[in-house]
Amino acid sequence: MRWCSSRWRGPTTELQDFKGKTVTHTELTASHAPDKTWVPACDLGDLLPDQGVCALIHGKQIALFLVQERVFALSNHDPFTGSNTLSRGLVGSYTLDGASRLKVAAPLLKQAFDLQSGQCITEPDISVPTYPVRLEGSKVWIGLGG
């Protein structure tokens, strides 16, 4: 299992989105769940495109994915097997109501979960928790609680 490191060097004053556009802290926070407690997860460079990594944050295993220039965070816990393996799953896409969406397929039994909502695609009454993500410089932050 690949784990993110936690080498945080303090908050940055200059914030950028994936396209390199500079935004203010207020703009970024207001658009990314301001009621959350933000916790540093890893450096953006720790994430590989279309692959998952696991970060241990406040005792929770959180699977992080960098897909199509977006970072997604969801619980690493597979509710079907009870194992903490979603970060090892295969990333892909599916179509819902005519729109393309991103998913991760669990590595053991292959149930697929929507990366944005956490909902199981084949059994919609089952889902995994998702977490808001924001970037500060090259640091990936996860929103907890709220």
C-alpha atoms as a PDB file:
ATOM      1  CA  MET A   1       0.000   0.000   0.000  1.00  0.00           C
ATOM      2  CA  ARG A   2       1.362   3.412  -0.909  1.00  0.00           C
ATOM      3  CA  TRP A   3       1.066   5.986   1.884  1.00  0.00           C
ATOM      4  CA  CYS A   4       1.234   9.753   1.670  1.00  0.00           C
ATOM      5  CA  SER A   5       3.866  11.457   3.734  1.00  0.00           C
ATOM      6  CA  SER A   6       2.953  14.241   6.135  1.00  0.00           C
ATOM      7  CA  ARG A   7       5.729  16.749   5.608  1.00  0.00           C
ATOM      8  CA  TRP A   8       3.810  19.940   6.255  1.00  0.00           C
ATOM      9  CA  ARG A   9       5.814  23.143   6.305  1.00  0.00           C
ATOM     10  CA  GLY A  10       3.096  25.506   7.479  1.00  0.00           C
ATOM     11  CA  PRO A  11       0.343  27.412   5.686  1.00  0.00           C
ATOM     12  CA  THR A  12       1.099  29.224   2.477  1.00  0.00           C
ATOM     13  CA  THR A  13      -0.077  32.695   1.583  1.00  0.00           C
ATOM     14  CA  GLU A  14      -0.192  32.124  -2.167  1.00  0.00           C
ATOM     15  CA  LEU A  15      -2.778  29.576  -3.246  1.00  0.00           C
ATOM     16  CA  GLN A  16      -3.210  28.083  -6.698  1.00  0.00           C
ATOM     17  CA  ASP A  17      -5.699  25.752  -8.316  1.00  0.00           C
ATOM     18  CA  PHE A  18      -4.658  22.950 -10.715  1.00  0.00           C
ATOM     19  CA  LYS A  19      -4.484  25.325 -13.662  1.00  0.00           C
ATOM     20  CA  GLY A  20      -2.047  27.578 -11.792  1.00  0.00           C
ATOM     21  CA  LYS A  21      -4.581  30.392 -11.307  1.00  0.00           C
ATOM     22  CA  THR A  22      -3.824  32.283  -8.096  1.00  0.00           C
ATOM     23  CA  VAL A  23      -6.813  32.577  -5.763  1.00  0.00           C
ATOM     24  CA  THR A  24      -7.178  34.163  -2.344  1.00  0.00           C
ATOM     25  CA  HIS A  25      -7.546  32.087   0.791  1.00  0.00           C
ATOM     26  CA  THR A  26     -11.081  33.447   1.224  1.00  0.00           C
ATOM     27  CA  GLU A  27     -12.099  32.391  -2.304  1.00  0.00           C
ATOM     28  CA  LEU A  28     -10.676  28.908  -1.883  1.00  0.00           C
ATOM     29  CA  THR A  29     -12.156  28.342   1.575  1.00  0.00           C
ATOM     30  CA  ALA A  30     -15.575  29.706   0.627  1.00  0.00           C
ATOM     31  CA  SER A  31     -15.775  27.345  -2.322  1.00  0.00           C
ATOM     32  CA  HIS A  32     -14.539  24.292  -0.435  1.00  0.00           C
ATOM     33  CA  ALA A  33     -16.629  23.607   2.692  1.00  0.00           C
ATOM     34  CA  PRO A  34     -15.591  26.429   5.060  1.00  0.00           C
ATOM     35  CA  ASP A  35     -17.307  24.719   8.018  1.00  0.00           C
ATOM     36  CA  LYS A  36     -14.750  21.878   7.983  1.00  0.00           C
ATOM     37  CA  THR A  37     -11.585  21.442   9.995  1.00  0.00           C
ATOM     38  CA  TRP A  38      -8.844  21.329   7.381  1.00  0.00           C
ATOM     39  CA  VAL A  39      -6.018  18.842   7.912  1.00  0.00           C
ATOM     40  CA  PRO A  40      -2.898  18.495   5.727  1.00  0.00           C
ATOM     41  CA  ALA A  41      -2.884  15.095   3.992  1.00  0.00           C
ATOM     42  CA  CYS A  42       0.136  15.021   1.679  1.00  0.00           C
ATOM     43  CA  ASP A  43       2.010  16.871  -1.029  1.00  0.00           C
ATOM     44  CA  LEU A  44       0.390  16.914  -4.461  1.00  0.00           C
ATOM     45  CA  GLY A  45       3.569  15.271  -5.784  1.00  0.00           C
ATOM     46  CA  ASP A  46       2.828  12.206  -3.609  1.00  0.00           C
ATOM     47  CA  LEU A  47      -0.213  11.455  -5.796  1.00  0.00           C
ATOM     48  CA  LEU A  48       0.199   9.611  -9.077  1.00  0.00           C
ATOM     49  CA  PRO A  49      -2.323  10.202 -11.882  1.00  0.00           C
ATOM     50  CA  ASP A  50      -5.114   7.593 -11.990  1.00  0.00           C
ATOM     51  CA  GLN A  51      -3.787   5.712  -8.942  1.00  0.00           C
ATOM     52  CA  GLY A  52      -4.742   5.773  -5.305  1.00  0.00           C
ATOM     53  CA  VAL A  53      -2.725   6.330  -2.167  1.00  0.00           C
ATOM     54  CA  CYS A  54      -3.792   6.000   1.443  1.00  0.00           C
ATOM     55  CA  ALA A  55      -3.341   8.712   4.055  1.00  0.00           C
ATOM     56  CA  LEU A  56      -3.810   8.091   7.775  1.00  0.00           C
ATOM     57  CA  ILE A  57      -5.523  11.232   9.070  1.00  0.00           C
ATOM     58  CA  HIS A  58      -6.697  11.449  12.680  1.00  0.00           C
ATOM     59  CA  GLY A  59      -6.898   7.653  12.845  1.00  0.00           C
ATOM     60  CA  LYS A  60      -8.918   7.360   9.609  1.00  0.00           C
ATOM     61  CA  GLN A  61      -7.587   5.726   6.471  1.00  0.00           C
ATOM     62  CA  ILE A  62      -8.482   8.022   3.570  1.00  0.00           C
ATOM     63  CA  ALA A  63      -7.991   7.011  -0.062  1.00  0.00           C
ATOM     64  CA  LEU A  64      -6.757   9.863  -2.268  1.00  0.00           C
ATOM     65  CA  PHE A  65      -6.949   9.847  -6.061  1.00  0.00           C
ATOM     66  CA  LEU A  66      -5.582  12.290  -8.640  1.00  0.00           C
ATOM     67  CA  VAL A  67      -7.798  11.888 -11.719  1.00  0.00           C
ATOM     68  CA  GLN A  68      -8.201  14.333 -14.615  1.00  0.00           C
ATOM     69  CA  GLU A  69      -6.398  17.078 -12.673  1.00  0.00           C
ATOM     70  CA  ARG A  70      -8.750  16.722  -9.669  1.00  0.00           C
ATOM     71  CA  VAL A  71      -8.074  15.223  -6.257  1.00  0.00           C
ATOM     72  CA  PHE A  72     -10.759  13.030  -4.675  1.00  0.00           C
ATOM     73  CA  ALA A  73     -10.819  11.765  -1.087  1.00  0.00           C
ATOM     74  CA  LEU A  74     -12.974   8.966   0.268  1.00  0.00           C
ATOM     75  CA  SER A  75     -12.806   6.378   2.986  1.00  0.00           C
ATOM     76  CA  ASN A  76     -10.337   3.584   2.282  1.00  0.00           C
ATOM     77  CA  HIS A  77     -12.768   1.115   3.920  1.00  0.00           C
ATOM     78  CA  ASP A  78     -14.587  -1.261   1.544  1.00  0.00           C
ATOM     79  CA  PRO A  79     -18.030  -1.873   3.118  1.00  0.00           C
ATOM     80  CA  PHE A  80     -18.476  -5.150   1.215  1.00  0.00           C
ATOM     81  CA  THR A  81     -15.335  -6.918   2.451  1.00  0.00           C
ATOM     82  CA  GLY A  82     -14.509  -4.926   5.584  1.00  0.00           C
ATOM     83  CA  SER A  83     -10.976  -4.382   4.276  1.00  0.00           C
ATOM     84  CA  ASN A  84      -9.152  -1.066   3.950  1.00  0.00           C
ATOM     85  CA  THR A  85      -8.245  -1.425   0.283  1.00  0.00           C
ATOM     86  CA  LEU A  86     -10.105   1.126  -1.860  1.00  0.00           C
ATOM     87  CA  SER A  87      -6.870   3.061  -2.444  1.00  0.00           C
ATOM     88  CA  ARG A  88      -5.665  -0.001  -4.373  1.00  0.00           C
ATOM     89  CA  GLY A  89      -8.697  -0.006  -6.665  1.00  0.00           C
ATOM     90  CA  LEU A  90      -8.827   0.661 -10.387  1.00  0.00           C
ATOM     91  CA  VAL A  91      -9.960   4.106 -11.523  1.00  0.00           C
ATOM     92  CA  GLY A  92     -12.293   4.469 -14.501  1.00  0.00           C
ATOM     93  CA  SER A  93     -15.423   6.196 -15.701  1.00  0.00           C
ATOM     94  CA  TYR A  94     -19.080   5.369 -16.206  1.00  0.00           C
ATOM     95  CA  THR A  95     -22.140   7.143 -17.579  1.00  0.00           C
ATOM     96  CA  LEU A  96     -24.997   8.316 -15.373  1.00  0.00           C
ATOM     97  CA  ASP A  97     -27.947  10.157 -16.915  1.00  0.00           C
ATOM     98  CA  GLY A  98     -25.881  10.912 -20.007  1.00  0.00           C
ATOM     99  CA  ALA A  99     -22.952  12.401 -18.053  1.00  0.00           C
ATOM    100  CA  SER A 100     -19.536  10.818 -17.672  1.00  0.00           C
ATOM    101  CA  ARG A 101     -18.508  10.308 -14.031  1.00  0.00           C
ATOM    102  CA  LEU A 102     -15.398   8.899 -12.356  1.00  0.00           C
ATOM    103  CA  LYS A 103     -15.307   5.735 -10.253  1.00  0.00           C
ATOM    104  CA  VAL A 104     -12.988   3.430  -8.368  1.00  0.00           C
ATOM    105  CA  ALA A 105     -13.509  -0.346  -8.456  1.00  0.00           C
ATOM    106  CA  ALA A 106     -12.690  -2.105  -5.190  1.00  0.00           C
ATOM    107  CA  PRO A 107      -9.793  -4.520  -5.722  1.00  0.00           C
ATOM    108  CA  LEU A 108     -11.328  -7.567  -4.026  1.00  0.00           C
ATOM    109  CA  LEU A 109     -14.971  -7.935  -5.106  1.00  0.00           C
ATOM    110  CA  LYS A 110     -14.916  -5.199  -7.783  1.00  0.00           C
ATOM    111  CA  GLN A 111     -17.851  -3.089  -6.548  1.00  0.00           C
ATOM    112  CA  ALA A 112     -17.461   0.383  -8.009  1.00  0.00           C
ATOM    113  CA  PHE A 113     -17.877   3.641  -6.066  1.00  0.00           C
ATOM    114  CA  ASP A 114     -18.417   7.113  -7.510  1.00  0.00           C
ATOM    115  CA  LEU A 115     -15.318   9.170  -6.656  1.00  0.00           C
ATOM    116  CA  GLN A 116     -17.307  12.334  -5.999  1.00  0.00           C
ATOM    117  CA  SER A 117     -20.321  11.015  -4.062  1.00  0.00           C
ATOM    118  CA  GLY A 118     -18.949   7.743  -2.640  1.00  0.00           C
ATOM    119  CA  GLN A 119     -22.128   5.942  -3.740  1.00  0.00           C
ATOM    120  CA  CYS A 120     -21.848   2.326  -4.884  1.00  0.00           C
ATOM    121  CA  ILE A 121     -22.834   2.180  -8.546  1.00  0.00           C
ATOM    122  CA  THR A 122     -24.496  -1.248  -8.458  1.00  0.00           C
ATOM    123  CA  GLU A 123     -26.034  -0.916  -4.987  1.00  0.00           C
ATOM    124  CA  PRO A 124     -27.020   2.767  -4.545  1.00  0.00           C
ATOM    125  CA  ASP A 125     -28.117   2.329  -0.916  1.00  0.00           C
ATOM    126  CA  ILE A 126     -24.473   1.655   0.046  1.00  0.00           C
ATOM    127  CA  SER A 127     -21.814   4.367   0.023  1.00  0.00           C
ATOM    128  CA  VAL A 128     -18.474   5.271   1.547  1.00  0.00           C
ATOM    129  CA  PRO A 129     -17.758   8.624   3.203  1.00  0.00           C
ATOM    130  CA  THR A 130     -16.201  11.293   0.994  1.00  0.00           C
ATOM    131  CA  TYR A 131     -14.173  14.296   2.102  1.00  0.00           C
ATOM    132  CA  PRO A 132     -13.753  17.754   0.565  1.00  0.00           C
ATOM    133  CA  VAL A 133     -10.288  18.522  -0.766  1.00  0.00           C
ATOM    134  CA  ARG A 134      -8.456  21.796  -1.249  1.00  0.00           C
ATOM    135  CA  LEU A 135      -4.969  22.739  -2.372  1.00  0.00           C
ATOM    136  CA  GLU A 136      -2.641  25.283  -0.812  1.00  0.00           C
ATOM    137  CA  GLY A 137       0.417  25.533  -2.988  1.00  0.00           C
ATOM    138  CA  SER A 138       1.521  21.940  -3.420  1.00  0.00           C
ATOM    139  CA  LYS A 139      -0.178  20.744  -0.206  1.00  0.00           C
ATOM    140  CA  VAL A 140      -3.375  18.642  -0.296  1.00  0.00           C
ATOM    141  CA  TRP A 141      -5.785  19.364   2.573  1.00  0.00           C
ATOM    142  CA  ILE A 142      -8.768  17.232   3.660  1.00  0.00           C
ATOM    143  CA  GLY A 143     -11.869  18.667   5.337  1.00  0.00           C
ATOM    144  CA  LEU A 144     -13.044  16.724   8.385  1.00  0.00           C
ATOM    145  CA  GLY A 145     -16.073  17.178  10.620  1.00  0.00           C
ATOM    146  CA  GLY A 146     -18.269  20.206  10.326  1.00  0.00           C
END
